Amino acid sequence: MKILKKNLADEVTWQYDSEVLRRDDNSITVEAFFNREDMPFQEIVLKRNDRFVETFYFDKWYNIFEIYDRDDGKLKGWYCNITKPAIIEVDSVSYVDLALDLWVSANGKQTILDEDEMEELKLGEVLKEKVYAGLYELQTFFNQKNPLP
């Protein structure tokens, strides 16, 4: 399954391959492996070949990437993109990235990322409301999930 990240102009800005793990009426979950060089991020290091279990929703304004270390398999955290609802086709999943992100570390600490980038997009009020509603839904989900320390 090809994953296509798009900008507001519907242009593909990043793409990669994945394997479908499960699919239901509202979502699809795939497995992919980090395909960039090792890079520090928040309190972790994202490493080439870290395992990403990515869930895309047809009816929600975000996706959730659960990240596992390539060496010991331990959960590093969840990277959540605020997006328009995903479009699922026979051989691809595409989503329009709206810049705002939420990082949730394995111990449950939440960090909002890229608010400045979102502001640069000059989203209309209706779209901005959907962005913040998606962020709030994610924050509530992770507050209730109580990730393991």
N, C-alpha and C. Protein backbone atom coordinates (compact mmCIF):
# COMPACT_ATOMS: atom_id res chain seq x y z
N MET A 1 0.86 -1.17 0.00
CA MET A 1 0.00 0.00 0.00
C MET A 1 0.91 1.23 0.00
N LYS A 2 0.71 2.10 -0.96
CA LYS A 2 1.48 3.34 -1.06
C LYS A 2 0.83 4.39 -0.15
N ILE A 3 1.65 5.09 0.64
CA ILE A 3 1.17 6.17 1.49
C ILE A 3 1.60 7.49 0.84
N LEU A 4 0.63 8.38 0.63
CA LEU A 4 0.89 9.66 -0.03
C LEU A 4 0.53 10.82 0.90
N LYS A 5 1.54 11.57 1.29
CA LYS A 5 1.33 12.79 2.07
C LYS A 5 1.22 13.93 1.08
N LYS A 6 0.15 14.75 1.23
CA LYS A 6 -0.08 15.85 0.29
C LYS A 6 -0.15 17.19 1.01
N ASN A 7 0.07 18.25 0.25
CA ASN A 7 -0.10 19.60 0.78
C ASN A 7 -1.50 20.11 0.42
N LEU A 8 -1.80 21.33 0.80
CA LEU A 8 -3.14 21.89 0.55
C LEU A 8 -3.48 21.98 -0.93
N ALA A 9 -2.45 22.07 -1.78
CA ALA A 9 -2.68 22.12 -3.24
C ALA A 9 -2.88 20.72 -3.82
N ASP A 10 -2.96 19.70 -2.96
CA ASP A 10 -3.16 18.31 -3.34
C ASP A 10 -1.95 17.73 -4.09
N GLU A 11 -0.76 18.31 -3.84
CA GLU A 11 0.48 17.80 -4.45
C GLU A 11 1.14 16.84 -3.47
N VAL A 12 1.66 15.73 -3.97
CA VAL A 12 2.35 14.76 -3.13
C VAL A 12 3.69 15.35 -2.69
N THR A 13 3.91 15.40 -1.37
CA THR A 13 5.17 15.93 -0.83
C THR A 13 6.06 14.84 -0.25
N TRP A 14 5.48 13.67 -0.01
CA TRP A 14 6.26 12.53 0.50
C TRP A 14 5.47 11.28 0.22
N GLN A 15 6.16 10.20 -0.13
CA GLN A 15 5.46 8.93 -0.33
C GLN A 15 6.37 7.78 0.05
N TYR A 16 5.75 6.69 0.45
CA TYR A 16 6.50 5.50 0.86
C TYR A 16 5.57 4.29 0.81
N ASP A 17 6.17 3.12 0.90
CA ASP A 17 5.42 1.87 0.85
C ASP A 17 5.11 1.36 2.25
N SER A 18 4.04 0.60 2.37
CA SER A 18 3.64 0.02 3.65
C SER A 18 2.92 -1.30 3.38
N GLU A 19 2.68 -2.03 4.46
CA GLU A 19 1.90 -3.27 4.40
C GLU A 19 0.65 -3.09 5.24
N VAL A 20 -0.49 -3.51 4.73
CA VAL A 20 -1.75 -3.38 5.47
C VAL A 20 -1.78 -4.41 6.60
N LEU A 21 -2.08 -3.94 7.82
CA LEU A 21 -2.23 -4.82 8.98
C LEU A 21 -3.70 -5.14 9.24
N ARG A 22 -4.56 -4.11 9.12
CA ARG A 22 -6.00 -4.32 9.31
C ARG A 22 -6.76 -3.16 8.70
N ARG A 23 -8.02 -3.43 8.47
CA ARG A 23 -8.88 -2.43 7.86
C ARG A 23 -10.28 -2.63 8.43
N ASP A 24 -10.99 -1.53 8.71
CA ASP A 24 -12.38 -1.64 9.15
C ASP A 24 -13.20 -0.56 8.45
N ASP A 25 -14.40 -0.32 8.93
CA ASP A 25 -15.28 0.65 8.26
C ASP A 25 -14.77 2.08 8.33
N ASN A 26 -13.98 2.40 9.36
CA ASN A 26 -13.55 3.79 9.59
C ASN A 26 -12.07 4.04 9.39
N SER A 27 -11.26 2.98 9.29
CA SER A 27 -9.81 3.20 9.28
C SER A 27 -9.06 2.08 8.59
N ILE A 28 -7.79 2.37 8.36
CA ILE A 28 -6.86 1.36 7.87
C ILE A 28 -5.57 1.53 8.67
N THR A 29 -4.97 0.42 9.07
CA THR A 29 -3.71 0.44 9.81
C THR A 29 -2.66 -0.28 8.99
N VAL A 30 -1.52 0.38 8.83
CA VAL A 30 -0.43 -0.17 8.02
C VAL A 30 0.86 -0.19 8.83
N GLU A 31 1.80 -0.97 8.35
CA GLU A 31 3.14 -1.01 8.93
C GLU A 31 4.12 -0.46 7.91
N ALA A 32 4.97 0.46 8.37
CA ALA A 32 6.01 1.03 7.51
C ALA A 32 7.27 1.18 8.35
N PHE A 33 8.38 1.42 7.69
CA PHE A 33 9.66 1.57 8.39
C PHE A 33 10.28 2.90 8.02
N PHE A 34 10.78 3.60 9.05
CA PHE A 34 11.36 4.93 8.88
C PHE A 34 12.47 4.86 7.84
N ASN A 35 12.36 5.70 6.80
CA ASN A 35 13.29 5.58 5.67
C ASN A 35 14.20 6.81 5.51
N ARG A 36 14.49 7.46 6.62
CA ARG A 36 15.42 8.59 6.59
C ARG A 36 16.59 8.26 7.52
N GLU A 37 17.62 9.08 7.44
CA GLU A 37 18.77 8.87 8.34
C GLU A 37 18.34 9.16 9.78
N ASP A 38 19.08 8.57 10.74
CA ASP A 38 18.79 8.79 12.15
C ASP A 38 18.74 10.29 12.44
N MET A 39 17.76 10.69 13.26
CA MET A 39 17.64 12.11 13.59
C MET A 39 17.05 12.29 14.98
N PRO A 40 17.63 13.20 15.76
CA PRO A 40 17.05 13.48 17.08
C PRO A 40 15.67 14.11 16.91
N PHE A 41 14.75 13.72 17.78
CA PHE A 41 13.40 14.27 17.76
C PHE A 41 12.86 14.25 19.18
N GLN A 42 12.49 15.42 19.69
CA GLN A 42 12.00 15.54 21.06
C GLN A 42 13.00 14.82 21.99
N GLU A 43 12.51 13.85 22.80
CA GLU A 43 13.41 13.17 23.75
C GLU A 43 13.93 11.84 23.21
N ILE A 44 13.69 11.56 21.92
CA ILE A 44 14.12 10.29 21.33
C ILE A 44 15.00 10.53 20.11
N VAL A 45 15.46 9.45 19.52
CA VAL A 45 16.12 9.49 18.22
C VAL A 45 15.29 8.62 17.29
N LEU A 46 14.83 9.21 16.19
CA LEU A 46 14.17 8.42 15.15
C LEU A 46 15.28 7.77 14.34
N LYS A 47 15.22 6.44 14.21
CA LYS A 47 16.29 5.70 13.54
C LYS A 47 15.77 5.08 12.24
N ARG A 48 16.67 5.02 11.27
CA ARG A 48 16.33 4.32 10.03
C ARG A 48 15.86 2.92 10.41
N ASN A 49 14.72 2.53 9.84
CA ASN A 49 14.09 1.22 10.07
C ASN A 49 13.36 1.09 11.40
N ASP A 50 13.14 2.20 12.13
CA ASP A 50 12.19 2.13 13.25
C ASP A 50 10.85 1.69 12.66
N ARG A 51 10.09 0.91 13.42
CA ARG A 51 8.80 0.39 12.96
C ARG A 51 7.69 1.39 13.28
N PHE A 52 6.92 1.75 12.26
CA PHE A 52 5.78 2.64 12.42
C PHE A 52 4.50 1.85 12.15
N VAL A 53 3.58 1.87 13.10
CA VAL A 53 2.26 1.30 12.90
C VAL A 53 1.33 2.51 12.77
N GLU A 54 0.85 2.74 11.55
CA GLU A 54 0.16 3.98 11.20
C GLU A 54 -1.33 3.72 10.96
N THR A 55 -2.16 4.49 11.65
CA THR A 55 -3.60 4.36 11.46
C THR A 55 -4.15 5.63 10.82
N PHE A 56 -4.82 5.44 9.70
CA PHE A 56 -5.44 6.52 8.94
C PHE A 56 -6.95 6.33 9.03
N TYR A 57 -7.65 7.44 9.24
CA TYR A 57 -9.11 7.40 9.42
C TYR A 57 -9.82 8.06 8.25
N PHE A 58 -10.94 7.46 7.84
CA PHE A 58 -11.76 8.02 6.77
C PHE A 58 -12.61 9.18 7.28
N ASP A 59 -12.84 9.20 8.61
CA ASP A 59 -13.82 10.13 9.19
C ASP A 59 -13.25 11.02 10.29
N LYS A 60 -11.93 11.05 10.45
CA LYS A 60 -11.31 11.87 11.49
C LYS A 60 -10.28 12.79 10.86
N TRP A 61 -9.98 13.88 11.54
CA TRP A 61 -9.09 14.90 11.02
C TRP A 61 -7.67 14.71 11.55
N TYR A 62 -7.21 13.46 11.59
CA TYR A 62 -5.85 13.16 12.04
C TYR A 62 -5.48 11.73 11.67
N ASN A 63 -4.19 11.44 11.83
CA ASN A 63 -3.72 10.06 11.78
C ASN A 63 -2.77 9.86 12.96
N ILE A 64 -2.51 8.62 13.31
CA ILE A 64 -1.69 8.30 14.47
C ILE A 64 -0.61 7.30 14.04
N PHE A 65 0.65 7.68 14.28
CA PHE A 65 1.78 6.80 13.99
C PHE A 65 2.37 6.34 15.32
N GLU A 66 2.27 5.04 15.59
CA GLU A 66 2.85 4.44 16.79
C GLU A 66 4.26 3.99 16.41
N ILE A 67 5.28 4.45 17.15
CA ILE A 67 6.67 4.27 16.74
C ILE A 67 7.40 3.33 17.70
N TYR A 68 8.05 2.31 17.12
CA TYR A 68 8.80 1.32 17.89
C TYR A 68 10.27 1.32 17.47
N ASP A 69 11.15 1.18 18.45
CA ASP A 69 12.59 1.19 18.19
C ASP A 69 13.02 -0.02 17.36
N ARG A 70 13.87 0.23 16.38
CA ARG A 70 14.33 -0.84 15.49
C ARG A 70 15.19 -1.87 16.22
N ASP A 71 15.87 -1.45 17.29
CA ASP A 71 16.82 -2.34 17.96
C ASP A 71 16.19 -3.20 19.05
N ASP A 72 15.36 -2.58 19.91
CA ASP A 72 14.80 -3.35 21.03
C ASP A 72 13.28 -3.51 20.97
N GLY A 73 12.64 -2.91 19.95
CA GLY A 73 11.21 -3.05 19.78
C GLY A 73 10.36 -2.26 20.76
N LYS A 74 10.98 -1.46 21.64
CA LYS A 74 10.22 -0.70 22.63
C LYS A 74 9.48 0.47 22.00
N LEU A 75 8.31 0.76 22.57
CA LEU A 75 7.51 1.89 22.12
C LEU A 75 8.24 3.19 22.43
N LYS A 76 8.38 4.04 21.41
CA LYS A 76 8.99 5.36 21.60
C LYS A 76 7.93 6.42 21.84
N GLY A 77 6.76 6.26 21.21
CA GLY A 77 5.70 7.24 21.36
C GLY A 77 4.79 7.25 20.15
N TRP A 78 3.93 8.27 20.10
CA TRP A 78 2.95 8.41 19.04
C TRP A 78 3.13 9.77 18.37
N TYR A 79 3.28 9.76 17.06
CA TYR A 79 3.33 11.00 16.29
C TYR A 79 2.00 11.13 15.58
N CYS A 80 1.30 12.22 15.83
CA CYS A 80 -0.04 12.41 15.29
C CYS A 80 -0.05 13.64 14.38
N ASN A 81 -0.47 13.44 13.16
CA ASN A 81 -0.61 14.53 12.19
C ASN A 81 -2.06 14.98 12.17
N ILE A 82 -2.28 16.29 12.21
CA ILE A 82 -3.62 16.82 11.98
C ILE A 82 -3.76 16.93 10.47
N THR A 83 -4.80 16.30 9.92
CA THR A 83 -4.95 16.18 8.47
C THR A 83 -6.43 16.25 8.10
N LYS A 84 -6.68 16.39 6.84
CA LYS A 84 -8.03 16.13 6.35
C LYS A 84 -8.24 14.62 6.43
N PRO A 85 -9.49 14.16 6.50
CA PRO A 85 -9.72 12.70 6.53
C PRO A 85 -9.02 12.01 5.35
N ALA A 86 -8.50 10.82 5.63
CA ALA A 86 -7.73 10.07 4.63
C ALA A 86 -8.63 9.60 3.48
N ILE A 87 -8.02 9.46 2.32
CA ILE A 87 -8.70 8.89 1.16
C ILE A 87 -8.03 7.55 0.88
N ILE A 88 -8.83 6.49 0.97
CA ILE A 88 -8.32 5.14 0.80
C ILE A 88 -8.74 4.63 -0.57
N GLU A 89 -7.75 4.20 -1.35
CA GLU A 89 -8.04 3.63 -2.67
C GLU A 89 -7.51 2.20 -2.68
N VAL A 90 -7.61 1.53 -3.79
CA VAL A 90 -7.22 0.12 -3.87
C VAL A 90 -5.77 -0.09 -3.44
N ASP A 91 -4.87 0.76 -3.91
CA ASP A 91 -3.45 0.54 -3.63
C ASP A 91 -2.76 1.72 -2.97
N SER A 92 -3.56 2.67 -2.43
CA SER A 92 -2.94 3.83 -1.78
C SER A 92 -3.82 4.43 -0.69
N VAL A 93 -3.15 5.11 0.22
CA VAL A 93 -3.79 5.94 1.24
C VAL A 93 -3.20 7.33 1.05
N SER A 94 -4.05 8.34 0.92
CA SER A 94 -3.53 9.70 0.81
C SER A 94 -4.18 10.58 1.86
N TYR A 95 -3.43 11.58 2.29
CA TYR A 95 -3.96 12.53 3.25
C TYR A 95 -3.34 13.90 3.01
N VAL A 96 -4.11 14.94 3.32
CA VAL A 96 -3.64 16.31 3.20
C VAL A 96 -3.19 16.76 4.59
N ASP A 97 -1.91 17.04 4.72
CA ASP A 97 -1.31 17.45 5.99
C ASP A 97 -1.64 18.91 6.25
N LEU A 98 -2.14 19.20 7.45
CA LEU A 98 -2.49 20.57 7.83
C LEU A 98 -1.49 21.17 8.81
N ALA A 99 -0.28 20.62 8.84
CA ALA A 99 0.90 21.13 9.54
C ALA A 99 0.90 20.89 11.05
N LEU A 100 -0.20 21.10 11.74
CA LEU A 100 -0.21 20.95 13.19
C LEU A 100 -0.04 19.48 13.55
N ASP A 101 0.81 19.21 14.54
CA ASP A 101 1.10 17.85 14.96
C ASP A 101 1.04 17.74 16.48
N LEU A 102 0.85 16.52 16.96
CA LEU A 102 0.91 16.22 18.38
C LEU A 102 1.87 15.07 18.58
N TRP A 103 2.86 15.27 19.44
CA TRP A 103 3.78 14.19 19.83
C TRP A 103 3.38 13.75 21.23
N VAL A 104 3.21 12.44 21.41
CA VAL A 104 2.92 11.88 22.72
C VAL A 104 4.03 10.88 23.02
N SER A 105 4.84 11.19 24.02
CA SER A 105 5.95 10.29 24.37
C SER A 105 5.39 9.03 25.03
N ALA A 106 6.21 8.02 25.14
CA ALA A 106 5.78 6.74 25.70
C ALA A 106 5.25 6.90 27.12
N ASN A 107 5.72 7.93 27.84
CA ASN A 107 5.24 8.15 29.21
C ASN A 107 3.98 9.01 29.26
N GLY A 108 3.46 9.39 28.09
CA GLY A 108 2.20 10.12 28.04
C GLY A 108 2.32 11.63 27.92
N LYS A 109 3.54 12.18 27.99
CA LYS A 109 3.71 13.64 27.87
C LYS A 109 3.34 14.08 26.45
N GLN A 110 2.49 15.12 26.37
CA GLN A 110 2.02 15.61 25.08
C GLN A 110 2.71 16.93 24.71
N THR A 111 3.12 17.05 23.45
CA THR A 111 3.73 18.28 22.94
C THR A 111 3.09 18.63 21.61
N ILE A 112 2.54 19.84 21.52
CA ILE A 112 1.97 20.33 20.26
C ILE A 112 3.11 20.90 19.42
N LEU A 113 3.14 20.52 18.14
CA LEU A 113 4.22 20.92 17.25
C LEU A 113 3.68 21.70 16.05
N ASP A 114 4.49 22.59 15.55
CA ASP A 114 4.30 23.24 14.25
C ASP A 114 3.09 24.17 14.16
N GLU A 115 2.71 24.80 15.28
CA GLU A 115 1.61 25.78 15.21
C GLU A 115 1.96 26.92 14.27
N ASP A 116 3.24 27.31 14.27
CA ASP A 116 3.68 28.40 13.39
C ASP A 116 3.52 28.01 11.92
N GLU A 117 3.85 26.77 11.58
CA GLU A 117 3.68 26.30 10.20
C GLU A 117 2.20 26.30 9.79
N MET A 118 1.34 25.91 10.74
CA MET A 118 -0.09 25.90 10.43
C MET A 118 -0.58 27.32 10.17
N GLU A 119 -0.13 28.27 10.97
CA GLU A 119 -0.54 29.67 10.78
C GLU A 119 -0.12 30.18 9.40
N GLU A 120 1.04 29.74 8.92
CA GLU A 120 1.52 30.16 7.60
C GLU A 120 0.62 29.66 6.47
N LEU A 121 -0.13 28.58 6.72
CA LEU A 121 -1.03 28.04 5.70
C LEU A 121 -2.24 28.94 5.45
N LYS A 122 -2.49 29.84 6.38
CA LYS A 122 -3.62 30.77 6.26
C LYS A 122 -4.93 30.03 5.97
N LEU A 123 -5.22 29.06 6.84
CA LEU A 123 -6.45 28.29 6.72
C LEU A 123 -7.64 29.18 7.05
N GLY A 124 -8.75 28.95 6.41
CA GLY A 124 -9.97 29.68 6.75
C GLY A 124 -10.46 29.27 8.13
N GLU A 125 -11.42 30.02 8.66
CA GLU A 125 -11.92 29.77 10.01
C GLU A 125 -12.53 28.38 10.16
N VAL A 126 -13.29 27.94 9.16
CA VAL A 126 -13.94 26.62 9.25
C VAL A 126 -12.89 25.51 9.31
N LEU A 127 -11.88 25.59 8.45
CA LEU A 127 -10.82 24.57 8.44
C LEU A 127 -10.02 24.63 9.73
N LYS A 128 -9.74 25.83 10.22
CA LYS A 128 -8.99 25.98 11.47
C LYS A 128 -9.76 25.35 12.64
N GLU A 129 -11.08 25.53 12.65
CA GLU A 129 -11.91 24.91 13.70
C GLU A 129 -11.78 23.39 13.65
N LYS A 130 -11.77 22.82 12.45
CA LYS A 130 -11.64 21.37 12.31
C LYS A 130 -10.26 20.91 12.78
N VAL A 131 -9.22 21.69 12.49
CA VAL A 131 -7.86 21.37 12.94
C VAL A 131 -7.82 21.29 14.47
N TYR A 132 -8.34 22.31 15.14
CA TYR A 132 -8.29 22.32 16.60
C TYR A 132 -9.24 21.30 17.22
N ALA A 133 -10.34 21.00 16.56
CA ALA A 133 -11.23 19.94 17.05
C ALA A 133 -10.52 18.58 16.97
N GLY A 134 -9.77 18.36 15.88
CA GLY A 134 -9.00 17.12 15.74
C GLY A 134 -7.92 17.03 16.80
N LEU A 135 -7.23 18.13 17.06
CA LEU A 135 -6.20 18.15 18.10
C LEU A 135 -6.81 17.84 19.46
N TYR A 136 -7.93 18.46 19.77
CA TYR A 136 -8.60 18.24 21.06
C TYR A 136 -9.02 16.77 21.19
N GLU A 137 -9.55 16.20 20.12
CA GLU A 137 -9.96 14.78 20.15
C GLU A 137 -8.76 13.88 20.43
N LEU A 138 -7.63 14.17 19.79
CA LEU A 138 -6.42 13.39 20.04
C LEU A 138 -5.94 13.53 21.48
N GLN A 139 -5.90 14.77 21.96
CA GLN A 139 -5.44 15.00 23.34
C GLN A 139 -6.33 14.26 24.33
N THR A 140 -7.63 14.30 24.11
CA THR A 140 -8.56 13.60 24.99
C THR A 140 -8.33 12.09 24.93
N PHE A 141 -8.15 11.57 23.73
CA PHE A 141 -7.88 10.14 23.55
C PHE A 141 -6.65 9.72 24.35
N PHE A 142 -5.55 10.47 24.22
CA PHE A 142 -4.32 10.09 24.91
C PHE A 142 -4.40 10.33 26.41
N ASN A 143 -5.15 11.32 26.85
CA ASN A 143 -5.34 11.51 28.28
C ASN A 143 -6.09 10.32 28.87
N GLN A 144 -7.04 9.77 28.14
CA GLN A 144 -7.82 8.63 28.63
C GLN A 144 -7.05 7.32 28.46
N LYS A 145 -6.16 7.26 27.47
CA LYS A 145 -5.42 6.04 27.18
C LYS A 145 -4.43 5.72 28.29
N ASN A 146 -3.89 6.77 28.94
CA ASN A 146 -2.88 6.57 29.98
C ASN A 146 -1.74 5.69 29.49
N PRO A 147 -0.93 6.17 28.54
CA PRO A 147 0.19 5.36 28.04
C PRO A 147 1.09 4.89 29.17
N LEU A 148 1.69 3.75 28.96
CA LEU A 148 2.59 3.20 29.97
C LEU A 148 3.84 4.06 30.10
N PRO A 149 4.36 4.20 31.34
CA PRO A 149 5.60 4.98 31.51
C PRO A 149 6.81 4.26 30.94
